[in-house]
Amino acid sequence: MTSPADDARERWHARVSLASVPADEIETTDCPICGSDARRFLFEERGYPVHKCRDCSHVYVSPRPSEAWLADVYADAYLPESENAWEGDRSTVDVATARALTRYNPQRGDLLDVGAGFGGVLVHAAKDGWRVHGIEPNRKAFEVARQRLGADADLRQTIFEDVDLPAGSFDCVLMVNVIEHVRDPVALCRRAHELLRPGGCLALRWPQALFQTRLLYNLKLQKQPPRICLSAPIHLHEFTRASMERLYREVGFTRIRHVWGGMRSFASLALWRRIGAVSMMAGVRTFQAATCGRRLVPIYSKLTVGRK
């Protein structure tokens, strides 16, 4: 007997499969990072072809749903149990993320969290002395973040592309497991670059499924050969170190650094959108599992930062 959450996830999977997308809401794309049309087909997930760019190694989905169709899907994507699952799964991760930003930016200043979720990182960043600002498109998550941060907090329920903010307003722009969901990563990061003050940083946390599946396969903890768990069309991209660095340089960032993260679980769709991590430099503190098809694998993420 399945749980209500399992039933909801099954309905969600059916809703977002390529077969469920109207023909006029489907579009194709070349590599979103370098623009090359040279690619190698990897596999299909929920009917979506997944390709690897032959020029920059970026992995992406094409064809894919239109922006408008995905926006409607995301508007109420969180499952009923998401908030409680989020509280239990992300608290230590949010603390670690806020502290990592403070270590990298000891002067603190104005922090913008794009895709702020339930506001966990902003709560802890505010305690660390940051002036916090957040953007979150999901209605339920926005309402919870507003309750946690207070009615006077600078929170906006919208998408990043639609918000009107003056250039040079922030010292740090943070996106925790957002970049793999967006249609145009280059345009998104270019906008973040515009919003940063000189010397400001862009911090992106992004999942690396291939790393942990290779690790478990080599340790004989999984029979399935190493593969990418892209979760299309929720994830439209799977970045490599090379394609991520190319993205940063493409929009003008320098002094690019990578920090390994920890392993968290997909307890709900809220966690699908934003996978937490704890700095590997301090030691892996958690080892939790997520489903990739019918296989259990830990979901590992990396934090990349670059300076304007």
C-alpha atoms as a PDB file:
ATOM      1  CA  MET A   1       0.000   0.000   0.000  1.00  0.00           C
ATOM      2  CA  THR A   2       1.445   3.339  -1.035  1.00  0.00           C
ATOM      3  CA  SER A   3       1.412   6.498   1.054  1.00  0.00           C
ATOM      4  CA  PRO A   4      -0.387   9.717   0.042  1.00  0.00           C
ATOM      5  CA  ALA A   5       3.024  11.269  -0.631  1.00  0.00           C
ATOM      6  CA  ASP A   6       3.975   8.380  -2.947  1.00  0.00           C
ATOM      7  CA  ASP A   7       0.666   8.717  -4.772  1.00  0.00           C
ATOM      8  CA  ALA A   8       1.221  12.452  -5.166  1.00  0.00           C
ATOM      9  CA  ARG A   9       4.687  11.862  -6.591  1.00  0.00           C
ATOM     10  CA  GLU A  10       3.324   9.350  -9.084  1.00  0.00           C
ATOM     11  CA  ARG A  11       0.722  11.874 -10.224  1.00  0.00           C
ATOM     12  CA  TRP A  12       3.463  14.470 -10.504  1.00  0.00           C
ATOM     13  CA  HIS A  13       5.637  12.178 -12.653  1.00  0.00           C
ATOM     14  CA  ALA A  14       2.717  11.527 -14.970  1.00  0.00           C
ATOM     15  CA  ARG A  15       1.916  15.225 -15.172  1.00  0.00           C
ATOM     16  CA  VAL A  16       5.430  16.262 -16.222  1.00  0.00           C
ATOM     17  CA  SER A  17       6.204  13.452 -18.692  1.00  0.00           C
ATOM     18  CA  LEU A  18       6.839  14.547 -22.271  1.00  0.00           C
ATOM     19  CA  ALA A  19       3.701  12.710 -23.383  1.00  0.00           C
ATOM     20  CA  SER A  20       1.638  15.015 -21.138  1.00  0.00           C
ATOM     21  CA  VAL A  21       2.999  18.260 -22.596  1.00  0.00           C
ATOM     22  CA  PRO A  22       0.911  19.820 -25.396  1.00  0.00           C
ATOM     23  CA  ALA A  23       2.720  19.840 -28.735  1.00  0.00           C
ATOM     24  CA  ASP A  24       2.648  23.634 -28.928  1.00  0.00           C
ATOM     25  CA  GLU A  25       4.369  23.817 -25.512  1.00  0.00           C
ATOM     26  CA  ILE A  26       7.445  21.807 -26.603  1.00  0.00           C
ATOM     27  CA  GLU A  27      10.656  23.415 -27.876  1.00  0.00           C
ATOM     28  CA  THR A  28      14.159  22.303 -28.855  1.00  0.00           C
ATOM     29  CA  THR A  29      17.492  23.879 -27.969  1.00  0.00           C
ATOM     30  CA  ASP A  30      21.204  23.633 -28.732  1.00  0.00           C
ATOM     31  CA  CYS A  31      23.686  23.611 -25.852  1.00  0.00           C
ATOM     32  CA  PRO A  32      22.486  26.304 -23.405  1.00  0.00           C
ATOM     33  CA  ILE A  33      26.046  27.033 -22.263  1.00  0.00           C
ATOM     34  CA  CYS A  34      28.132  27.330 -25.446  1.00  0.00           C
ATOM     35  CA  GLY A  35      25.477  27.275 -28.186  1.00  0.00           C
ATOM     36  CA  SER A  36      26.977  24.304 -30.023  1.00  0.00           C
ATOM     37  CA  ASP A  37      24.680  21.946 -31.913  1.00  0.00           C
ATOM     38  CA  ALA A  38      27.233  19.114 -31.685  1.00  0.00           C
ATOM     39  CA  ARG A  39      25.930  16.666 -29.128  1.00  0.00           C
ATOM     40  CA  ARG A  40      25.750  13.009 -28.134  1.00  0.00           C
ATOM     41  CA  PHE A  41      22.507  11.359 -27.087  1.00  0.00           C
ATOM     42  CA  LEU A  42      22.750   9.786 -23.621  1.00  0.00           C
ATOM     43  CA  PHE A  43      19.325   8.463 -22.589  1.00  0.00           C
ATOM     44  CA  GLU A  44      15.659   9.334 -22.172  1.00  0.00           C
ATOM     45  CA  GLU A  45      13.883  10.153 -18.923  1.00  0.00           C
ATOM     46  CA  ARG A  46      10.078  10.425 -18.795  1.00  0.00           C
ATOM     47  CA  GLY A  47      10.278  10.641 -22.579  1.00  0.00           C
ATOM     48  CA  TYR A  48      12.765  13.548 -22.630  1.00  0.00           C
ATOM     49  CA  PRO A  49      15.999  13.017 -24.610  1.00  0.00           C
ATOM     50  CA  VAL A  50      19.132  13.934 -22.630  1.00  0.00           C
ATOM     51  CA  HIS A  51      22.262  14.983 -24.547  1.00  0.00           C
ATOM     52  CA  LYS A  52      25.902  15.811 -23.803  1.00  0.00           C
ATOM     53  CA  CYS A  53      27.533  18.724 -25.633  1.00  0.00           C
ATOM     54  CA  ARG A  54      30.612  17.596 -27.555  1.00  0.00           C
ATOM     55  CA  ASP A  55      32.251  21.013 -27.167  1.00  0.00           C
ATOM     56  CA  CYS A  56      31.812  21.957 -23.486  1.00  0.00           C
ATOM     57  CA  SER A  57      30.618  18.646 -21.909  1.00  0.00           C
ATOM     58  CA  HIS A  58      27.386  20.189 -20.627  1.00  0.00           C
ATOM     59  CA  VAL A  59      24.454  17.773 -20.240  1.00  0.00           C
ATOM     60  CA  TYR A  60      21.007  19.098 -21.097  1.00  0.00           C
ATOM     61  CA  VAL A  61      17.431  18.202 -22.053  1.00  0.00           C
ATOM     62  CA  SER A  62      16.077  18.785 -25.572  1.00  0.00           C
ATOM     63  CA  PRO A  63      13.276  18.944 -26.531  1.00  0.00           C
ATOM     64  CA  ARG A  64      11.801  20.409 -23.364  1.00  0.00           C
ATOM     65  CA  PRO A  65       8.576  22.078 -22.175  1.00  0.00           C
ATOM     66  CA  SER A  66       8.025  25.764 -22.803  1.00  0.00           C
ATOM     67  CA  GLU A  67       8.793  28.344 -20.148  1.00  0.00           C
ATOM     68  CA  ALA A  68       5.105  29.136 -19.613  1.00  0.00           C
ATOM     69  CA  TRP A  69       4.170  25.482 -19.150  1.00  0.00           C
ATOM     70  CA  LEU A  70       6.925  24.865 -16.613  1.00  0.00           C
ATOM     71  CA  ALA A  71       6.047  28.061 -14.743  1.00  0.00           C
ATOM     72  CA  ASP A  72       2.494  26.807 -14.238  1.00  0.00           C
ATOM     73  CA  VAL A  73       3.799  23.465 -13.001  1.00  0.00           C
ATOM     74  CA  TYR A  74       6.209  25.056 -10.524  1.00  0.00           C
ATOM     75  CA  ALA A  75       3.634  27.485  -9.137  1.00  0.00           C
ATOM     76  CA  ASP A  76       2.152  24.833  -6.817  1.00  0.00           C
ATOM     77  CA  ALA A  77       4.750  22.080  -7.041  1.00  0.00           C
ATOM     78  CA  TYR A  78       5.426  21.455  -3.350  1.00  0.00           C
ATOM     79  CA  LEU A  79       3.799  18.402  -1.823  1.00  0.00           C
ATOM     80  CA  PRO A  80       1.673  18.730   1.348  1.00  0.00           C
ATOM     81  CA  GLU A  81       4.403  17.302   3.606  1.00  0.00           C
ATOM     82  CA  SER A  82       7.135  19.489   2.115  1.00  0.00           C
ATOM     83  CA  GLU A  83       7.400  22.010   4.919  1.00  0.00           C
ATOM     84  CA  ASN A  84       7.939  19.441   7.678  1.00  0.00           C
ATOM     85  CA  ALA A  85      10.359  17.457   5.530  1.00  0.00           C
ATOM     86  CA  TRP A  86      12.228  20.643   4.739  1.00  0.00           C
ATOM     87  CA  GLU A  87      12.549  21.616   8.383  1.00  0.00           C
ATOM     88  CA  GLY A  88      14.013  18.265   9.346  1.00  0.00           C
ATOM     89  CA  ASP A  89      16.285  17.804   6.357  1.00  0.00           C
ATOM     90  CA  ARG A  90      17.683  21.251   5.700  1.00  0.00           C
ATOM     91  CA  SER A  91      18.325  22.941   9.055  1.00  0.00           C
ATOM     92  CA  THR A  92      21.982  21.923   9.361  1.00  0.00           C
ATOM     93  CA  VAL A  93      22.498  22.538   5.653  1.00  0.00           C
ATOM     94  CA  ASP A  94      21.083  26.047   5.834  1.00  0.00           C
ATOM     95  CA  VAL A  95      23.381  26.866   8.745  1.00  0.00           C
ATOM     96  CA  ALA A  96      26.382  25.477   6.873  1.00  0.00           C
ATOM     97  CA  THR A  97      25.525  27.416   3.712  1.00  0.00           C
ATOM     98  CA  ALA A  98      25.129  30.700   5.580  1.00  0.00           C
ATOM     99  CA  ARG A  99      28.413  30.153   7.393  1.00  0.00           C
ATOM    100  CA  ALA A 100      30.211  29.312   4.154  1.00  0.00           C
ATOM    101  CA  LEU A 101      29.017  32.580   2.619  1.00  0.00           C
ATOM    102  CA  THR A 102      30.222  34.501   5.663  1.00  0.00           C
ATOM    103  CA  ARG A 103      33.645  32.844   5.531  1.00  0.00           C
ATOM    104  CA  TYR A 104      33.955  33.760   1.870  1.00  0.00           C
ATOM    105  CA  ASN A 105      32.515  37.257   2.456  1.00  0.00           C
ATOM    106  CA  PRO A 106      33.591  38.318   5.977  1.00  0.00           C
ATOM    107  CA  GLN A 107      32.490  41.884   5.248  1.00  0.00           C
ATOM    108  CA  ARG A 108      28.930  40.557   4.815  1.00  0.00           C
ATOM    109  CA  GLY A 109      26.554  43.140   3.295  1.00  0.00           C
ATOM    110  CA  ASP A 110      23.448  42.525   1.165  1.00  0.00           C
ATOM    111  CA  LEU A 111      22.616  38.905   0.315  1.00  0.00           C
ATOM    112  CA  LEU A 112      20.031  37.978  -2.326  1.00  0.00           C
ATOM    113  CA  ASP A 113      18.773  34.381  -2.252  1.00  0.00           C
ATOM    114  CA  VAL A 114      17.212  33.506  -5.607  1.00  0.00           C
ATOM    115  CA  GLY A 115      14.820  30.612  -5.059  1.00  0.00           C
ATOM    116  CA  ALA A 116      14.760  31.159  -1.309  1.00  0.00           C
ATOM    117  CA  GLY A 117      12.400  28.257  -0.591  1.00  0.00           C
ATOM    118  CA  PHE A 118      11.199  28.324   3.001  1.00  0.00           C
ATOM    119  CA  GLY A 119      13.815  30.944   3.893  1.00  0.00           C
ATOM    120  CA  GLY A 120      16.190  28.754   5.886  1.00  0.00           C
ATOM    121  CA  VAL A 121      19.456  30.170   4.553  1.00  0.00           C
ATOM    122  CA  LEU A 122      18.194  33.729   4.946  1.00  0.00           C
ATOM    123  CA  VAL A 123      17.197  33.128   8.571  1.00  0.00           C
ATOM    124  CA  HIS A 124      20.706  31.986   9.476  1.00  0.00           C
ATOM    125  CA  ALA A 125      22.435  34.554   7.268  1.00  0.00           C
ATOM    126  CA  ALA A 126      20.517  37.318   9.042  1.00  0.00           C
ATOM    127  CA  LYS A 127      21.782  35.962  12.364  1.00  0.00           C
ATOM    128  CA  ASP A 128      25.308  36.117  10.918  1.00  0.00           C
ATOM    129  CA  GLY A 129      24.901  39.823  10.189  1.00  0.00           C
ATOM    130  CA  TRP A 130      23.810  39.867   6.549  1.00  0.00           C
ATOM    131  CA  ARG A 131      21.080  42.152   5.240  1.00  0.00           C
ATOM    132  CA  VAL A 132      18.902  39.537   3.582  1.00  0.00           C
ATOM    133  CA  HIS A 133      16.668  39.647   0.520  1.00  0.00           C
ATOM    134  CA  GLY A 134      14.819  36.788  -1.161  1.00  0.00           C
ATOM    135  CA  ILE A 135      12.937  35.801  -4.298  1.00  0.00           C
ATOM    136  CA  GLU A 136      10.693  32.717  -4.333  1.00  0.00           C
ATOM    137  CA  PRO A 137       8.077  31.912  -7.009  1.00  0.00           C
ATOM    138  CA  ASN A 138       6.233  29.180  -5.115  1.00  0.00           C
ATOM    139  CA  ARG A 139       3.268  30.488  -3.155  1.00  0.00           C
ATOM    140  CA  LYS A 140       3.447  28.043  -0.244  1.00  0.00           C
ATOM    141  CA  ALA A 141       7.199  28.404   0.230  1.00  0.00           C
ATOM    142  CA  PHE A 142       6.952  32.189   0.045  1.00  0.00           C
ATOM    143  CA  GLU A 143       4.278  32.286   2.750  1.00  0.00           C
ATOM    144  CA  VAL A 144       6.372  30.129   5.083  1.00  0.00           C
ATOM    145  CA  ALA A 145       9.494  32.221   4.440  1.00  0.00           C
ATOM    146  CA  ARG A 146       7.506  35.372   5.176  1.00  0.00           C
ATOM    147  CA  GLN A 147       6.368  33.932   8.506  1.00  0.00           C
ATOM    148  CA  ARG A 148       9.909  32.925   9.443  1.00  0.00           C
ATOM    149  CA  LEU A 149      11.563  36.203   8.468  1.00  0.00           C
ATOM    150  CA  GLY A 150       8.809  38.622   9.445  1.00  0.00           C
ATOM    151  CA  ALA A 151       6.408  40.856   7.558  1.00  0.00           C
ATOM    152  CA  ASP A 152       9.052  43.546   7.046  1.00  0.00           C
ATOM    153  CA  ALA A 153      11.526  41.210   5.336  1.00  0.00           C
ATOM    154  CA  ASP A 154      12.459  41.986   1.729  1.00  0.00           C
ATOM    155  CA  LEU A 155      10.841  38.939   0.119  1.00  0.00           C
ATOM    156  CA  ARG A 156       9.190  38.837  -3.293  1.00  0.00           C
ATOM    157  CA  GLN A 157       6.951  36.150  -4.743  1.00  0.00           C
ATOM    158  CA  THR A 158       8.040  36.203  -8.357  1.00  0.00           C
ATOM    159  CA  ILE A 159      10.645  34.767 -10.688  1.00  0.00           C
ATOM    160  CA  PHE A 160      14.122  36.258 -10.907  1.00  0.00           C
ATOM    161  CA  GLU A 161      13.699  37.282 -14.529  1.00  0.00           C
ATOM    162  CA  ASP A 162      10.674  39.455 -13.700  1.00  0.00           C
ATOM    163  CA  VAL A 163      11.954  41.271 -10.608  1.00  0.00           C
ATOM    164  CA  ASP A 164      12.964  44.928 -11.011  1.00  0.00           C
ATOM    165  CA  LEU A 165      16.157  45.576  -9.029  1.00  0.00           C
ATOM    166  CA  PRO A 166      18.810  48.256  -9.603  1.00  0.00           C
ATOM    167  CA  ALA A 167      22.278  47.232 -10.749  1.00  0.00           C
ATOM    168  CA  GLY A 168      24.974  46.996  -8.095  1.00  0.00           C
ATOM    169  CA  SER A 169      22.556  46.324  -5.227  1.00  0.00           C
ATOM    170  CA  PHE A 170      24.099  43.224  -3.626  1.00  0.00           C
ATOM    171  CA  ASP A 171      27.336  41.838  -2.257  1.00  0.00           C
ATOM    172  CA  CYS A 172      26.355  38.218  -2.810  1.00  0.00           C
ATOM    173  CA  VAL A 173      23.774  36.458  -4.964  1.00  0.00           C
ATOM    174  CA  LEU A 174      23.009  32.899  -3.862  1.00  0.00           C
ATOM    175  CA  MET A 175      21.179  30.176  -5.777  1.00  0.00           C
ATOM    176  CA  VAL A 176      20.847  26.830  -4.006  1.00  0.00           C
ATOM    177  CA  ASN A 177      19.967  24.115  -6.502  1.00  0.00           C
ATOM    178  CA  VAL A 178      18.285  26.542  -8.842  1.00  0.00           C
ATOM    179  CA  ILE A 179      20.655  26.707 -11.816  1.00  0.00           C
ATOM    180  CA  GLU A 180      19.822  23.183 -13.022  1.00  0.00           C
ATOM    181  CA  HIS A 181      16.141  24.148 -13.334  1.00  0.00           C
ATOM    182  CA  VAL A 182      16.401  27.328 -15.419  1.00  0.00           C
ATOM    183  CA  ARG A 183      16.073  27.511 -19.169  1.00  0.00           C
ATOM    184  CA  ASP A 184      18.921  29.945 -19.841  1.00  0.00           C
ATOM    185  CA  PRO A 185      21.728  29.660 -17.246  1.00  0.00           C
ATOM    186  CA  VAL A 186      23.883  32.215 -19.069  1.00  0.00           C
ATOM    187  CA  ALA A 187      21.183  34.910 -18.990  1.00  0.00           C
ATOM    188  CA  LEU A 188      20.416  34.142 -15.342  1.00  0.00           C
ATOM    189  CA  CYS A 189      24.051  34.478 -14.256  1.00  0.00           C
ATOM    190  CA  ARG A 190      24.551  37.575 -16.399  1.00  0.00           C
ATOM    191  CA  ARG A 191      21.656  39.213 -14.560  1.00  0.00           C
ATOM    192  CA  ALA A 192      23.205  38.188 -11.229  1.00  0.00           C
ATOM    193  CA  HIS A 193      26.502  39.753 -12.351  1.00  0.00           C
ATOM    194  CA  GLU A 194      24.701  43.034 -13.075  1.00  0.00           C
ATOM    195  CA  LEU A 195      23.125  43.077  -9.615  1.00  0.00           C
ATOM    196  CA  LEU A 196      26.435  42.587  -7.804  1.00  0.00           C
ATOM    197  CA  ARG A 197      28.652  45.368  -6.543  1.00  0.00           C
ATOM    198  CA  PRO A 198      32.333  45.319  -7.597  1.00  0.00           C
ATOM    199  CA  GLY A 199      34.011  42.446  -5.787  1.00  0.00           C
ATOM    200  CA  GLY A 200      30.680  40.762  -5.049  1.00  0.00           C
ATOM    201  CA  CYS A 201      30.244  37.028  -5.475  1.00  0.00           C
ATOM    202  CA  LEU A 202      27.854  34.639  -7.148  1.00  0.00           C
ATOM    203  CA  ALA A 203      27.395  31.404  -5.172  1.00  0.00           C
ATOM    204  CA  LEU A 204      25.738  28.464  -6.923  1.00  0.00           C
ATOM    205  CA  ARG A 205      25.044  25.110  -5.314  1.00  0.00           C
ATOM    206  CA  TRP A 206      24.348  22.406  -7.865  1.00  0.00           C
ATOM    207  CA  PRO A 207      23.873  18.600  -7.774  1.00  0.00           C
ATOM    208  CA  GLN A 208      26.348  16.121  -9.219  1.00  0.00           C
ATOM    209  CA  ALA A 209      24.567  12.807  -9.597  1.00  0.00           C
ATOM    210  CA  LEU A 210      27.281  11.192 -11.724  1.00  0.00           C
ATOM    211  CA  PHE A 211      29.848  11.559  -8.940  1.00  0.00           C
ATOM    212  CA  GLN A 212      27.955   9.544  -6.371  1.00  0.00           C
ATOM    213  CA  THR A 213      26.697   6.872  -8.764  1.00  0.00           C
ATOM    214  CA  ARG A 214      30.297   6.285  -9.885  1.00  0.00           C
ATOM    215  CA  LEU A 215      31.418   6.148  -6.249  1.00  0.00           C
ATOM    216  CA  LEU A 216      28.765   3.615  -5.235  1.00  0.00           C
ATOM    217  CA  TYR A 217      29.383   1.515  -8.336  1.00  0.00           C
ATOM    218  CA  ASN A 218      33.128   1.374  -7.644  1.00  0.00           C
ATOM    219  CA  LEU A 219      32.422   0.452  -4.016  1.00  0.00           C
ATOM    220  CA  LYS A 220      30.089  -2.309  -5.268  1.00  0.00           C
ATOM    221  CA  LEU A 221      27.199  -0.743  -3.379  1.00  0.00           C
ATOM    222  CA  GLN A 222      25.139  -0.411  -6.540  1.00  0.00           C
ATOM    223  CA  LYS A 223      24.802  -2.773  -9.488  1.00  0.00           C
ATOM    224  CA  GLN A 224      23.700  -0.138 -11.974  1.00  0.00           C
ATOM    225  CA  PRO A 225      26.648   1.395 -13.894  1.00  0.00           C
ATOM    226  CA  PRO A 226      27.420   5.078 -13.196  1.00  0.00           C
ATOM    227  CA  ARG A 227      24.895   7.382 -14.798  1.00  0.00           C
ATOM    228  CA  ILE A 228      23.388  10.814 -14.589  1.00  0.00           C
ATOM    229  CA  CYS A 229      20.126  11.097 -12.622  1.00  0.00           C
ATOM    230  CA  LEU A 230      18.784  14.225 -14.255  1.00  0.00           C
ATOM    231  CA  SER A 231      15.115  14.046 -13.195  1.00  0.00           C
ATOM    232  CA  ALA A 232      13.869  15.662 -16.417  1.00  0.00           C
ATOM    233  CA  PRO A 233      12.088  17.992 -16.876  1.00  0.00           C
ATOM    234  CA  ILE A 234      12.519  19.189 -13.279  1.00  0.00           C
ATOM    235  CA  HIS A 235      16.219  19.397 -14.003  1.00  0.00           C
ATOM    236  CA  LEU A 236      17.023  20.709 -17.466  1.00  0.00           C
ATOM    237  CA  HIS A 237      20.800  20.493 -16.934  1.00  0.00           C
ATOM    238  CA  GLU A 238      23.516  18.375 -15.348  1.00  0.00           C
ATOM    239  CA  PHE A 239      26.644  20.489 -14.992  1.00  0.00           C
ATOM    240  CA  THR A 240      30.220  19.301 -15.032  1.00  0.00           C
ATOM    241  CA  ARG A 241      33.074  21.227 -13.452  1.00  0.00           C
ATOM    242  CA  ALA A 242      34.170  22.305 -16.942  1.00  0.00           C
ATOM    243  CA  SER A 243      30.748  23.528 -18.062  1.00  0.00           C
ATOM    244  CA  MET A 244      30.162  25.329 -14.748  1.00  0.00           C
ATOM    245  CA  GLU A 245      33.478  27.174 -15.007  1.00  0.00           C
ATOM    246  CA  ARG A 246      32.690  28.084 -18.599  1.00  0.00           C
ATOM    247  CA  LEU A 247      29.351  29.501 -17.459  1.00  0.00           C
ATOM    248  CA  TYR A 248      31.039  31.685 -14.824  1.00  0.00           C
ATOM    249  CA  ARG A 249      33.684  32.983 -17.225  1.00  0.00           C
ATOM    250  CA  GLU A 250      31.135  33.578 -19.973  1.00  0.00           C
ATOM    251  CA  VAL A 251      29.408  36.246 -17.872  1.00  0.00           C
ATOM    252  CA  GLY A 252      32.560  37.837 -16.441  1.00  0.00           C
ATOM    253  CA  PHE A 253      33.310  36.113 -13.125  1.00  0.00           C
ATOM    254  CA  THR A 254      36.865  35.414 -11.974  1.00  0.00           C
ATOM    255  CA  ARG A 255      38.540  33.679  -9.009  1.00  0.00           C
ATOM    256  CA  ILE A 256      36.244  30.684  -9.390  1.00  0.00           C
ATOM    257  CA  ARG A 257      36.341  28.151  -6.559  1.00  0.00           C
ATOM    258  CA  HIS A 258      34.580  24.831  -5.991  1.00  0.00           C
ATOM    259  CA  VAL A 259      33.658  23.411  -2.591  1.00  0.00           C
ATOM    260  CA  TRP A 260      32.282  19.897  -2.252  1.00  0.00           C
ATOM    261  CA  GLY A 261      29.025  19.507  -0.410  1.00  0.00           C
ATOM    262  CA  GLY A 262      27.371  16.785   1.619  1.00  0.00           C
ATOM    263  CA  MET A 263      24.660  14.282   0.854  1.00  0.00           C
ATOM    264  CA  ARG A 264      20.965  14.800   1.457  1.00  0.00           C
ATOM    265  CA  SER A 265      17.687  13.123   0.628  1.00  0.00           C
ATOM    266  CA  PHE A 266      14.746  13.819  -1.646  1.00  0.00           C
ATOM    267  CA  ALA A 267      11.984  13.642   0.962  1.00  0.00           C
ATOM    268  CA  SER A 268       9.659  15.786  -1.143  1.00  0.00           C
ATOM    269  CA  LEU A 269       9.426  17.950  -4.228  1.00  0.00           C
ATOM    270  CA  ALA A 270      10.668  20.843  -2.140  1.00  0.00           C
ATOM    271  CA  LEU A 271      13.912  18.950  -1.705  1.00  0.00           C
ATOM    272  CA  TRP A 272      13.949  18.011  -5.378  1.00  0.00           C
ATOM    273  CA  ARG A 273      14.241  21.703  -6.159  1.00  0.00           C
ATOM    274  CA  ARG A 274      16.952  22.443  -3.625  1.00  0.00           C
ATOM    275  CA  ILE A 275      19.328  19.724  -2.456  1.00  0.00           C
ATOM    276  CA  GLY A 276      21.256  20.659   0.639  1.00  0.00           C
ATOM    277  CA  ALA A 277      24.941  20.114   1.340  1.00  0.00           C
ATOM    278  CA  VAL A 278      27.490  20.378   4.125  1.00  0.00           C
ATOM    279  CA  SER A 279      31.061  21.403   3.361  1.00  0.00           C
ATOM    280  CA  MET A 280      33.318  18.413   2.784  1.00  0.00           C
ATOM    281  CA  MET A 281      36.157  20.496   4.187  1.00  0.00           C
ATOM    282  CA  ALA A 282      34.540  20.055   7.599  1.00  0.00           C
ATOM    283  CA  GLY A 283      33.861  16.365   6.972  1.00  0.00           C
ATOM    284  CA  VAL A 284      30.821  14.618   5.597  1.00  0.00           C
ATOM    285  CA  ARG A 285      28.240  14.799   8.364  1.00  0.00           C
ATOM    286  CA  THR A 286      25.375  13.035   6.711  1.00  0.00           C
ATOM    287  CA  PHE A 287      24.904  10.191   4.250  1.00  0.00           C
ATOM    288  CA  GLN A 288      21.295   9.996   3.218  1.00  0.00           C
ATOM    289  CA  ALA A 289      19.714   8.406   0.172  1.00  0.00           C
ATOM    290  CA  ALA A 290      17.602   9.515  -2.743  1.00  0.00           C
ATOM    291  CA  THR A 291      15.814   7.559  -5.397  1.00  0.00           C
ATOM    292  CA  CYS A 292      17.236   7.407  -8.896  1.00  0.00           C
ATOM    293  CA  GLY A 293      14.793   5.195 -10.730  1.00  0.00           C
ATOM    294  CA  ARG A 294      14.586   2.223  -8.353  1.00  0.00           C
ATOM    295  CA  ARG A 295      18.149   2.619  -7.100  1.00  0.00           C
ATOM    296  CA  LEU A 296      19.092   4.337  -3.864  1.00  0.00           C
ATOM    297  CA  VAL A 297      21.933   6.812  -4.277  1.00  0.00           C
ATOM    298  CA  PRO A 298      23.195   9.683  -2.138  1.00  0.00           C
ATOM    299  CA  ILE A 299      22.707  13.058  -3.762  1.00  0.00           C
ATOM    300  CA  TYR A 300      25.914  15.044  -3.715  1.00  0.00           C
ATOM    301  CA  SER A 301      26.201  18.730  -4.482  1.00  0.00           C
ATOM    302  CA  LYS A 302      28.946  21.228  -5.053  1.00  0.00           C
ATOM    303  CA  LEU A 303      29.136  24.923  -4.160  1.00  0.00           C
ATOM    304  CA  THR A 304      30.828  27.135  -6.748  1.00  0.00           C
ATOM    305  CA  VAL A 305      31.693  30.768  -6.076  1.00  0.00           C
ATOM    306  CA  GLY A 306      33.151  33.464  -8.308  1.00  0.00           C
ATOM    307  CA  ARG A 307      33.984  37.149  -7.967  1.00  0.00           C
ATOM    308  CA  LYS A 308      32.812  40.056 -10.085  1.00  0.00           C
END
